PDB file of all heavy atoms in Angstrom:
ATOM      1  N   TRP A   1     -18.910  -0.776  -0.342  1.00  0.00           N
ATOM      2  CA  TRP A   1     -18.693  -2.146  -0.865  1.00  0.00           C
ATOM      3  C   TRP A   1     -17.929  -2.044  -2.183  1.00  0.00           C
ATOM      4  O   TRP A   1     -17.028  -2.839  -2.473  1.00  0.00           O
ATOM      5  CB  TRP A   1     -20.048  -2.836  -1.127  1.00  0.00           C
ATOM      6  CG  TRP A   1     -19.961  -4.157  -1.607  1.00  0.00           C
ATOM      7  CD1 TRP A   1     -19.711  -4.581  -2.939  1.00  0.00           C
ATOM      8  CD2 TRP A   1     -20.107  -5.382  -0.854  1.00  0.00           C
ATOM      9  NE1 TRP A   1     -19.667  -5.974  -3.038  1.00  0.00           N
ATOM     10  CE2 TRP A   1     -19.876  -6.462  -1.798  1.00  0.00           C
ATOM     11  CE3 TRP A   1     -20.347  -5.748   0.427  1.00  0.00           C
ATOM     12  CZ2 TRP A   1     -19.981  -7.786  -1.373  1.00  0.00           C
ATOM     13  CZ3 TRP A   1     -20.418  -7.058   0.805  1.00  0.00           C
ATOM     14  CH2 TRP A   1     -20.243  -8.034  -0.034  1.00  0.00           C
ATOM     15  N   MET A   2     -18.338  -1.041  -3.068  1.00  0.00           N
ATOM     16  CA  MET A   2     -17.688  -0.869  -4.314  1.00  0.00           C
ATOM     17  C   MET A   2     -16.222  -0.469  -4.262  1.00  0.00           C
ATOM     18  O   MET A   2     -15.376  -0.905  -5.000  1.00  0.00           O
ATOM     19  CB  MET A   2     -18.500   0.068  -5.266  1.00  0.00           C
ATOM     20  CG  MET A   2     -19.876  -0.523  -5.601  1.00  0.00           C
ATOM     21  SD  MET A   2     -20.728   0.486  -6.857  1.00  0.00           S
ATOM     22  CE  MET A   2     -21.133   1.877  -5.718  1.00  0.00           C
ATOM     23  N   ILE A   3     -15.915   0.386  -3.324  1.00  0.00           N
ATOM     24  CA  ILE A   3     -14.478   0.748  -3.067  1.00  0.00           C
ATOM     25  C   ILE A   3     -13.672  -0.478  -2.616  1.00  0.00           C
ATOM     26  O   ILE A   3     -12.556  -0.615  -3.149  1.00  0.00           O
ATOM     27  CB  ILE A   3     -14.494   1.876  -2.022  1.00  0.00           C
ATOM     28  CG1 ILE A   3     -15.120   3.201  -2.513  1.00  0.00           C
ATOM     29  CG2 ILE A   3     -13.022   2.187  -1.665  1.00  0.00           C
ATOM     30  CD1 ILE A   3     -15.229   4.314  -1.560  1.00  0.00           C
ATOM     31  N   GLY A   4     -14.220  -1.197  -1.701  1.00  0.00           N
ATOM     32  CA  GLY A   4     -13.487  -2.441  -1.339  1.00  0.00           C
ATOM     33  C   GLY A   4     -13.339  -3.393  -2.438  1.00  0.00           C
ATOM     34  O   GLY A   4     -12.279  -4.014  -2.680  1.00  0.00           O
ATOM     35  N   SER A   5     -14.397  -3.533  -3.314  1.00  0.00           N
ATOM     36  CA  SER A   5     -14.370  -4.410  -4.439  1.00  0.00           C
ATOM     37  C   SER A   5     -13.282  -3.936  -5.414  1.00  0.00           C
ATOM     38  O   SER A   5     -12.587  -4.704  -6.115  1.00  0.00           O
ATOM     39  CB  SER A   5     -15.712  -4.467  -5.143  1.00  0.00           C
ATOM     40  OG  SER A   5     -16.678  -5.002  -4.350  1.00  0.00           O
ATOM     41  N   LEU A   6     -13.207  -2.557  -5.612  1.00  0.00           N
ATOM     42  CA  LEU A   6     -12.211  -1.942  -6.561  1.00  0.00           C
ATOM     43  C   LEU A   6     -10.822  -2.422  -6.086  1.00  0.00           C
ATOM     44  O   LEU A   6      -9.958  -2.727  -6.985  1.00  0.00           O
ATOM     45  CB  LEU A   6     -12.395  -0.466  -6.559  1.00  0.00           C
ATOM     46  CG  LEU A   6     -11.800   0.335  -7.661  1.00  0.00           C
ATOM     47  CD1 LEU A   6     -12.460   1.700  -7.824  1.00  0.00           C
ATOM     48  CD2 LEU A   6     -10.335   0.528  -7.405  1.00  0.00           C
ATOM     49  N   ILE A   7     -10.533  -2.305  -4.843  1.00  0.00           N
ATOM     50  CA  ILE A   7      -9.171  -2.667  -4.309  1.00  0.00           C
ATOM     51  C   ILE A   7      -8.960  -4.180  -4.538  1.00  0.00           C
ATOM     52  O   ILE A   7      -7.885  -4.595  -5.089  1.00  0.00           O
ATOM     53  CB  ILE A   7      -9.131  -2.329  -2.854  1.00  0.00           C
ATOM     54  CG1 ILE A   7      -9.182  -0.767  -2.699  1.00  0.00           C
ATOM     55  CG2 ILE A   7      -7.743  -2.896  -2.286  1.00  0.00           C
ATOM     56  CD1 ILE A   7      -9.279  -0.406  -1.265  1.00  0.00           C
ATOM     57  N   VAL A   8      -9.852  -4.996  -4.198  1.00  0.00           N
ATOM     58  CA  VAL A   8      -9.722  -6.457  -4.332  1.00  0.00           C
ATOM     59  C   VAL A   8      -9.563  -6.913  -5.724  1.00  0.00           C
ATOM     60  O   VAL A   8      -8.671  -7.533  -6.111  1.00  0.00           O
ATOM     61  CB  VAL A   8     -10.875  -7.222  -3.591  1.00  0.00           C
ATOM     62  CG1 VAL A   8     -10.750  -8.694  -3.886  1.00  0.00           C
ATOM     63  CG2 VAL A   8     -10.849  -6.950  -2.110  1.00  0.00           C
ATOM     64  N   PHE A   9     -10.581  -6.533  -6.527  1.00  0.00           N
ATOM     65  CA  PHE A   9     -10.640  -7.077  -7.917  1.00  0.00           C
ATOM     66  C   PHE A   9      -9.586  -6.331  -8.808  1.00  0.00           C
ATOM     67  O   PHE A   9      -9.159  -6.868  -9.890  1.00  0.00           O
ATOM     68  CB  PHE A   9     -12.059  -7.042  -8.522  1.00  0.00           C
ATOM     69  CG  PHE A   9     -12.947  -8.031  -7.859  1.00  0.00           C
ATOM     70  CD1 PHE A   9     -13.921  -7.566  -6.931  1.00  0.00           C
ATOM     71  CD2 PHE A   9     -12.873  -9.331  -8.225  1.00  0.00           C
ATOM     72  CE1 PHE A   9     -14.655  -8.534  -6.341  1.00  0.00           C
ATOM     73  CE2 PHE A   9     -13.640 -10.269  -7.645  1.00  0.00           C
ATOM     74  CZ  PHE A   9     -14.614  -9.883  -6.684  1.00  0.00           C
ATOM     75  N   GLY A  10      -9.289  -5.010  -8.503  1.00  0.00           N
ATOM     76  CA  GLY A  10      -8.220  -4.371  -9.251  1.00  0.00           C
ATOM     77  C   GLY A  10      -6.974  -5.040  -9.079  1.00  0.00           C
ATOM     78  O   GLY A  10      -6.234  -5.235 -10.052  1.00  0.00           O
ATOM     79  N   GLY A  11      -6.621  -5.423  -7.831  1.00  0.00           N
ATOM     80  CA  GLY A  11      -5.434  -6.226  -7.518  1.00  0.00           C
ATOM     81  C   GLY A  11      -5.375  -7.590  -8.201  1.00  0.00           C
ATOM     82  O   GLY A  11      -4.422  -8.025  -8.753  1.00  0.00           O
ATOM     83  N   PHE A  12      -6.573  -8.246  -8.181  1.00  0.00           N
ATOM     84  CA  PHE A  12      -6.723  -9.550  -8.824  1.00  0.00           C
ATOM     85  C   PHE A  12      -6.526  -9.410 -10.278  1.00  0.00           C
ATOM     86  O   PHE A  12      -5.802 -10.325 -10.891  1.00  0.00           O
ATOM     87  CB  PHE A  12      -8.151 -10.091  -8.533  1.00  0.00           C
ATOM     88  CG  PHE A  12      -8.255 -11.543  -8.455  1.00  0.00           C
ATOM     89  CD1 PHE A  12      -9.343 -12.140  -7.829  1.00  0.00           C
ATOM     90  CD2 PHE A  12      -7.333 -12.350  -9.024  1.00  0.00           C
ATOM     91  CE1 PHE A  12      -9.481 -13.548  -7.810  1.00  0.00           C
ATOM     92  CE2 PHE A  12      -7.475 -13.764  -9.046  1.00  0.00           C
ATOM     93  CZ  PHE A  12      -8.520 -14.295  -8.384  1.00  0.00           C
ATOM     94  N   ALA A  13      -7.107  -8.323 -10.898  1.00  0.00           N
ATOM     95  CA  ALA A  13      -6.952  -8.143 -12.366  1.00  0.00           C
ATOM     96  C   ALA A  13      -5.446  -7.962 -12.795  1.00  0.00           C
ATOM     97  O   ALA A  13      -5.016  -8.441 -13.733  1.00  0.00           O
ATOM     98  CB  ALA A  13      -7.726  -7.024 -12.860  1.00  0.00           C
ATOM     99  N   LEU A  14      -4.667  -7.304 -11.958  1.00  0.00           N
ATOM    100  CA  LEU A  14      -3.251  -7.108 -12.240  1.00  0.00           C
ATOM    101  C   LEU A  14      -2.486  -8.415 -12.252  1.00  0.00           C
ATOM    102  O   LEU A  14      -1.619  -8.628 -12.980  1.00  0.00           O
ATOM    103  CB  LEU A  14      -2.608  -6.102 -11.137  1.00  0.00           C
ATOM    104  CG  LEU A  14      -3.097  -4.675 -11.133  1.00  0.00           C
ATOM    105  CD1 LEU A  14      -2.415  -3.898  -9.996  1.00  0.00           C
ATOM    106  CD2 LEU A  14      -2.614  -3.992 -12.504  1.00  0.00           C
ATOM    107  N   LEU A  15      -2.942  -9.288 -11.369  1.00  0.00           N
ATOM    108  CA  LEU A  15      -2.246 -10.609 -11.231  1.00  0.00           C
ATOM    109  C   LEU A  15      -2.777 -11.640 -12.303  1.00  0.00           C
ATOM    110  O   LEU A  15      -1.983 -12.475 -12.859  1.00  0.00           O
ATOM    111  CB  LEU A  15      -2.455 -11.180  -9.830  1.00  0.00           C
ATOM    112  CG  LEU A  15      -1.816 -10.429  -8.795  1.00  0.00           C
ATOM    113  CD1 LEU A  15      -2.095 -11.032  -7.417  1.00  0.00           C
ATOM    114  CD2 LEU A  15      -0.233 -10.358  -8.958  1.00  0.00           C
ATOM    115  N   ILE A  16      -4.038 -11.572 -12.583  1.00  0.00           N
ATOM    116  CA  ILE A  16      -4.696 -12.720 -13.426  1.00  0.00           C
ATOM    117  C   ILE A  16      -5.130 -12.243 -14.742  1.00  0.00           C
ATOM    118  O   ILE A  16      -4.899 -12.927 -15.756  1.00  0.00           O
ATOM    119  CB  ILE A  16      -5.951 -13.235 -12.630  1.00  0.00           C
ATOM    120  CG1 ILE A  16      -5.451 -13.763 -11.269  1.00  0.00           C
ATOM    121  CG2 ILE A  16      -6.637 -14.360 -13.423  1.00  0.00           C
ATOM    122  CD1 ILE A  16      -4.507 -14.877 -11.217  1.00  0.00           C
ATOM    123  N   HIS A  17      -5.686 -11.062 -14.827  1.00  0.00           N
ATOM    124  CA  HIS A  17      -6.378 -10.659 -16.068  1.00  0.00           C
ATOM    125  C   HIS A  17      -5.477  -9.837 -17.006  1.00  0.00           C
ATOM    126  O   HIS A  17      -6.001  -9.316 -17.958  1.00  0.00           O
ATOM    127  CB  HIS A  17      -7.634  -9.817 -15.738  1.00  0.00           C
ATOM    128  CG  HIS A  17      -8.653  -9.774 -16.785  1.00  0.00           C
ATOM    129  ND1 HIS A  17      -9.015 -10.864 -17.512  1.00  0.00           N
ATOM    130  CD2 HIS A  17      -9.307  -8.699 -17.364  1.00  0.00           C
ATOM    131  CE1 HIS A  17      -9.883 -10.385 -18.377  1.00  0.00           C
ATOM    132  NE2 HIS A  17     -10.120  -9.167 -18.333  1.00  0.00           N
ATOM    133  N   GLU A  18      -4.219  -9.836 -16.751  1.00  0.00           N
ATOM    134  CA  GLU A  18      -3.283  -9.181 -17.641  1.00  0.00           C
ATOM    135  C   GLU A  18      -3.547  -7.786 -17.839  1.00  0.00           C
ATOM    136  O   GLU A  18      -3.373  -7.169 -18.946  1.00  0.00           O
ATOM    137  CB  GLU A  18      -3.125  -9.896 -18.908  1.00  0.00           C
ATOM    138  CG  GLU A  18      -2.671 -11.385 -18.813  1.00  0.00           C
ATOM    139  CD  GLU A  18      -2.574 -12.109 -20.089  1.00  0.00           C
ATOM    140  OE1 GLU A  18      -3.027 -11.514 -21.135  1.00  0.00           O
ATOM    141  OE2 GLU A  18      -2.113 -13.282 -20.165  1.00  0.00           O
ATOM    142  N   VAL A  19      -4.058  -7.057 -16.864  1.00  0.00           N
ATOM    143  CA  VAL A  19      -4.280  -5.588 -16.885  1.00  0.00           C
ATOM    144  C   VAL A  19      -3.118  -4.885 -16.287  1.00  0.00           C
ATOM    145  O   VAL A  19      -2.725  -5.233 -15.212  1.00  0.00           O
ATOM    146  CB  VAL A  19      -5.615  -5.224 -16.164  1.00  0.00           C
ATOM    147  CG1 VAL A  19      -5.773  -3.693 -16.134  1.00  0.00           C
ATOM    148  CG2 VAL A  19      -6.771  -5.879 -16.887  1.00  0.00           C
ATOM    149  N   THR A  20      -2.495  -3.931 -16.957  1.00  0.00           N
ATOM    150  CA  THR A  20      -1.391  -3.279 -16.412  1.00  0.00           C
ATOM    151  C   THR A  20      -1.900  -2.143 -15.471  1.00  0.00           C
ATOM    152  O   THR A  20      -3.052  -1.770 -15.512  1.00  0.00           O
ATOM    153  CB  THR A  20      -0.584  -2.507 -17.574  1.00  0.00           C
ATOM    154  OG1 THR A  20      -1.347  -1.561 -18.241  1.00  0.00           O
ATOM    155  CG2 THR A  20      -0.097  -3.580 -18.574  1.00  0.00           C
ATOM    156  N   ILE A  21      -0.983  -1.623 -14.694  1.00  0.00           N
ATOM    157  CA  ILE A  21      -1.319  -0.517 -13.808  1.00  0.00           C
ATOM    158  C   ILE A  21      -1.911   0.712 -14.603  1.00  0.00           C
ATOM    159  O   ILE A  21      -2.832   1.347 -14.259  1.00  0.00           O
ATOM    160  CB  ILE A  21      -0.202  -0.054 -12.892  1.00  0.00           C
ATOM    161  CG1 ILE A  21       0.224  -1.247 -11.910  1.00  0.00           C
ATOM    162  CG2 ILE A  21      -0.592   1.163 -12.070  1.00  0.00           C
ATOM    163  CD1 ILE A  21       1.367  -0.929 -11.008  1.00  0.00           C
ATOM    164  N   LEU A  22      -1.249   1.086 -15.650  1.00  0.00           N
ATOM    165  CA  LEU A  22      -1.648   2.157 -16.511  1.00  0.00           C
ATOM    166  C   LEU A  22      -3.091   1.951 -17.033  1.00  0.00           C
ATOM    167  O   LEU A  22      -3.941   2.832 -17.034  1.00  0.00           O
ATOM    168  CB  LEU A  22      -0.657   2.421 -17.622  1.00  0.00           C
ATOM    169  CG  LEU A  22      -0.993   3.567 -18.568  1.00  0.00           C
ATOM    170  CD1 LEU A  22      -1.065   4.910 -17.796  1.00  0.00           C
ATOM    171  CD2 LEU A  22       0.016   3.653 -19.699  1.00  0.00           C
ATOM    172  N   ASN A  23      -3.277   0.701 -17.635  1.00  0.00           N
ATOM    173  CA  ASN A  23      -4.594   0.413 -18.096  1.00  0.00           C
ATOM    174  C   ASN A  23      -5.697   0.473 -16.983  1.00  0.00           C
ATOM    175  O   ASN A  23      -6.761   0.940 -17.218  1.00  0.00           O
ATOM    176  CB  ASN A  23      -4.590  -0.961 -18.715  1.00  0.00           C
ATOM    177  CG  ASN A  23      -4.019  -1.005 -20.134  1.00  0.00           C
ATOM    178  OD1 ASN A  23      -3.915  -0.054 -20.738  1.00  0.00           O
ATOM    179  ND2 ASN A  23      -3.716  -2.208 -20.617  1.00  0.00           N
ATOM    180  N   LEU A  24      -5.293  -0.022 -15.815  1.00  0.00           N
ATOM    181  CA  LEU A  24      -6.282   0.028 -14.720  1.00  0.00           C
ATOM    182  C   LEU A  24      -6.581   1.431 -14.349  1.00  0.00           C
ATOM    183  O   LEU A  24      -7.770   1.744 -14.143  1.00  0.00           O
ATOM    184  CB  LEU A  24      -5.599  -0.662 -13.453  1.00  0.00           C
ATOM    185  CG  LEU A  24      -6.416  -0.911 -12.185  1.00  0.00           C
ATOM    186  CD1 LEU A  24      -5.977  -2.169 -11.509  1.00  0.00           C
ATOM    187  CD2 LEU A  24      -6.387   0.304 -11.254  1.00  0.00           C
ATOM    188  N   LEU A  25      -5.620   2.301 -14.278  1.00  0.00           N
ATOM    189  CA  LEU A  25      -5.834   3.649 -13.847  1.00  0.00           C
ATOM    190  C   LEU A  25      -6.745   4.550 -14.879  1.00  0.00           C
ATOM    191  O   LEU A  25      -7.611   5.205 -14.551  1.00  0.00           O
ATOM    192  CB  LEU A  25      -4.512   4.463 -13.704  1.00  0.00           C
ATOM    193  CG  LEU A  25      -3.737   4.046 -12.385  1.00  0.00           C
ATOM    194  CD1 LEU A  25      -2.391   4.721 -12.367  1.00  0.00           C
ATOM    195  CD2 LEU A  25      -4.529   4.391 -11.182  1.00  0.00           C
ATOM    196  N   ILE A  26      -6.362   4.249 -16.225  1.00  0.00           N
ATOM    197  CA  ILE A  26      -7.047   4.876 -17.300  1.00  0.00           C
ATOM    198  C   ILE A  26      -8.555   4.329 -17.271  1.00  0.00           C
ATOM    199  O   ILE A  26      -9.423   5.091 -17.448  1.00  0.00           O
ATOM    200  CB  ILE A  26      -6.421   4.599 -18.599  1.00  0.00           C
ATOM    201  CG1 ILE A  26      -5.062   5.336 -18.688  1.00  0.00           C
ATOM    202  CG2 ILE A  26      -7.362   5.136 -19.792  1.00  0.00           C
ATOM    203  CD1 ILE A  26      -4.295   5.081 -19.986  1.00  0.00           C
ATOM    204  N   GLY A  27      -8.734   3.023 -17.175  1.00  0.00           N
ATOM    205  CA  GLY A  27     -10.011   2.459 -17.098  1.00  0.00           C
ATOM    206  C   GLY A  27     -10.858   3.039 -15.906  1.00  0.00           C
ATOM    207  O   GLY A  27     -12.069   3.376 -16.144  1.00  0.00           O
ATOM    208  N   PHE A  28     -10.289   3.118 -14.752  1.00  0.00           N
ATOM    209  CA  PHE A  28     -11.005   3.726 -13.683  1.00  0.00           C
ATOM    210  C   PHE A  28     -11.403   5.145 -13.889  1.00  0.00           C
ATOM    211  O   PHE A  28     -12.523   5.508 -13.676  1.00  0.00           O
ATOM    212  CB  PHE A  28     -10.116   3.679 -12.339  1.00  0.00           C
ATOM    213  CG  PHE A  28     -10.665   4.379 -11.269  1.00  0.00           C
ATOM    214  CD1 PHE A  28     -11.771   3.841 -10.523  1.00  0.00           C
ATOM    215  CD2 PHE A  28     -10.360   5.669 -10.878  1.00  0.00           C
ATOM    216  CE1 PHE A  28     -12.314   4.686  -9.425  1.00  0.00           C
ATOM    217  CE2 PHE A  28     -10.807   6.357  -9.880  1.00  0.00           C
ATOM    218  CZ  PHE A  28     -11.854   5.924  -9.099  1.00  0.00           C
ATOM    219  N   LEU A  29     -10.442   5.951 -14.462  1.00  0.00           N
ATOM    220  CA  LEU A  29     -10.732   7.341 -14.598  1.00  0.00           C
ATOM    221  C   LEU A  29     -11.846   7.532 -15.717  1.00  0.00           C
ATOM    222  O   LEU A  29     -12.642   8.487 -15.602  1.00  0.00           O
ATOM    223  CB  LEU A  29      -9.416   8.073 -15.096  1.00  0.00           C
ATOM    224  CG  LEU A  29      -8.386   8.202 -14.020  1.00  0.00           C
ATOM    225  CD1 LEU A  29      -7.132   8.849 -14.563  1.00  0.00           C
ATOM    226  CD2 LEU A  29      -8.887   9.070 -12.812  1.00  0.00           C
ATOM    227  N   VAL A  30     -11.770   6.658 -16.786  1.00  0.00           N
ATOM    228  CA  VAL A  30     -12.793   6.834 -17.854  1.00  0.00           C
ATOM    229  C   VAL A  30     -14.165   6.452 -17.294  1.00  0.00           C
ATOM    230  O   VAL A  30     -15.093   7.101 -17.480  1.00  0.00           O
ATOM    231  CB  VAL A  30     -12.420   5.952 -19.011  1.00  0.00           C
ATOM    232  CG1 VAL A  30     -13.642   5.881 -20.001  1.00  0.00           C
ATOM    233  CG2 VAL A  30     -11.194   6.495 -19.764  1.00  0.00           C
ATOM    234  N   GLY A  31     -14.195   5.273 -16.595  1.00  0.00           N
ATOM    235  CA  GLY A  31     -15.475   4.743 -16.055  1.00  0.00           C
ATOM    236  C   GLY A  31     -16.084   5.726 -15.023  1.00  0.00           C
ATOM    237  O   GLY A  31     -17.257   6.119 -15.106  1.00  0.00           O
ATOM    238  N   PHE A  32     -15.256   6.100 -13.956  1.00  0.00           N
ATOM    239  CA  PHE A  32     -15.697   7.033 -13.028  1.00  0.00           C
ATOM    240  C   PHE A  32     -15.964   8.384 -13.546  1.00  0.00           C
ATOM    241  O   PHE A  32     -16.978   9.082 -13.195  1.00  0.00           O
ATOM    242  CB  PHE A  32     -14.639   7.072 -11.891  1.00  0.00           C
ATOM    243  CG  PHE A  32     -15.092   7.931 -10.723  1.00  0.00           C
ATOM    244  CD1 PHE A  32     -15.845   7.337  -9.687  1.00  0.00           C
ATOM    245  CD2 PHE A  32     -14.724   9.257 -10.564  1.00  0.00           C
ATOM    246  CE1 PHE A  32     -16.313   8.148  -8.613  1.00  0.00           C
ATOM    247  CE2 PHE A  32     -15.188  10.076  -9.473  1.00  0.00           C
ATOM    248  CZ  PHE A  32     -15.918   9.446  -8.523  1.00  0.00           C
ATOM    249  N   GLY A  33     -15.007   8.869 -14.419  1.00  0.00           N
ATOM    250  CA  GLY A  33     -15.149  10.298 -14.888  1.00  0.00           C
ATOM    251  C   GLY A  33     -16.352  10.489 -15.802  1.00  0.00           C
ATOM    252  O   GLY A  33     -17.067  11.450 -15.647  1.00  0.00           O
ATOM    253  N   PHE A  34     -16.606   9.553 -16.681  1.00  0.00           N
ATOM    254  CA  PHE A  34     -17.729   9.682 -17.673  1.00  0.00           C
ATOM    255  C   PHE A  34     -18.967   9.788 -16.947  1.00  0.00           C
ATOM    256  O   PHE A  34     -19.946  10.635 -17.222  1.00  0.00           O
ATOM    257  CB  PHE A  34     -17.621   8.549 -18.706  1.00  0.00           C
ATOM    258  CG  PHE A  34     -18.700   8.572 -19.707  1.00  0.00           C
ATOM    259  CD1 PHE A  34     -18.706   9.591 -20.687  1.00  0.00           C
ATOM    260  CD2 PHE A  34     -19.736   7.685 -19.618  1.00  0.00           C
ATOM    261  CE1 PHE A  34     -19.777   9.618 -21.619  1.00  0.00           C
ATOM    262  CE2 PHE A  34     -20.791   7.694 -20.615  1.00  0.00           C
ATOM    263  CZ  PHE A  34     -20.764   8.675 -21.575  1.00  0.00           C
ATOM    264  N   LEU A  35     -19.180   8.763 -15.988  1.00  0.00           N
ATOM    265  CA  LEU A  35     -20.442   8.683 -15.358  1.00  0.00           C
ATOM    266  C   LEU A  35     -20.618   9.788 -14.163  1.00  0.00           C
ATOM    267  O   LEU A  35     -21.634  10.255 -14.003  1.00  0.00           O
ATOM    268  CB  LEU A  35     -20.605   7.302 -14.598  1.00  0.00           C
ATOM    269  CG  LEU A  35     -20.729   6.221 -15.705  1.00  0.00           C
ATOM    270  CD1 LEU A  35     -20.740   4.806 -15.030  1.00  0.00           C
ATOM    271  CD2 LEU A  35     -22.003   6.305 -16.520  1.00  0.00           C
ATOM    272  N   GLY A  36     -19.396  10.155 -13.672  1.00  0.00           N
ATOM    273  CA  GLY A  36     -19.463  11.201 -12.674  1.00  0.00           C
ATOM    274  C   GLY A  36     -19.776  12.507 -13.299  1.00  0.00           C
ATOM    275  O   GLY A  36     -20.458  13.391 -12.664  1.00  0.00           O
ATOM    276  N   MET A  37     -19.371  12.813 -14.487  1.00  0.00           N
ATOM    277  CA  MET A  37     -19.688  14.014 -15.211  1.00  0.00           C
ATOM    278  C   MET A  37     -21.223  14.046 -15.480  1.00  0.00           C
ATOM    279  O   MET A  37     -21.820  15.154 -15.253  1.00  0.00           O
ATOM    280  CB  MET A  37     -18.959  14.018 -16.539  1.00  0.00           C
ATOM    281  CG  MET A  37     -19.198  15.263 -17.402  1.00  0.00           C
ATOM    282  SD  MET A  37     -18.272  15.316 -18.842  1.00  0.00           S
ATOM    283  CE  MET A  37     -18.865  13.876 -19.751  1.00  0.00           C
ATOM    284  N   GLN A  38     -21.825  12.917 -15.834  1.00  0.00           N
ATOM    285  CA  GLN A  38     -23.268  12.914 -16.050  1.00  0.00           C
ATOM    286  C   GLN A  38     -24.035  13.234 -14.740  1.00  0.00           C
ATOM    287  O   GLN A  38     -25.023  13.868 -14.737  1.00  0.00           O
ATOM    288  CB  GLN A  38     -23.683  11.513 -16.590  1.00  0.00           C
ATOM    289  CG  GLN A  38     -23.194  11.287 -18.032  1.00  0.00           C
ATOM    290  CD  GLN A  38     -23.729   9.999 -18.554  1.00  0.00           C
ATOM    291  OE1 GLN A  38     -24.985   9.807 -18.588  1.00  0.00           O
ATOM    292  NE2 GLN A  38     -22.872   9.015 -18.899  1.00  0.00           N
TER     293      GLN A  38
END
């Protein structure tokens, strides 16, 4: 469900929330990486 949500809302954020592709990728890597490391 979360992977599907990531695709849907990530795309939505690029169109609506003024998030750039670079910001999206960095945000994903920080969120996933920080918690994944723990």
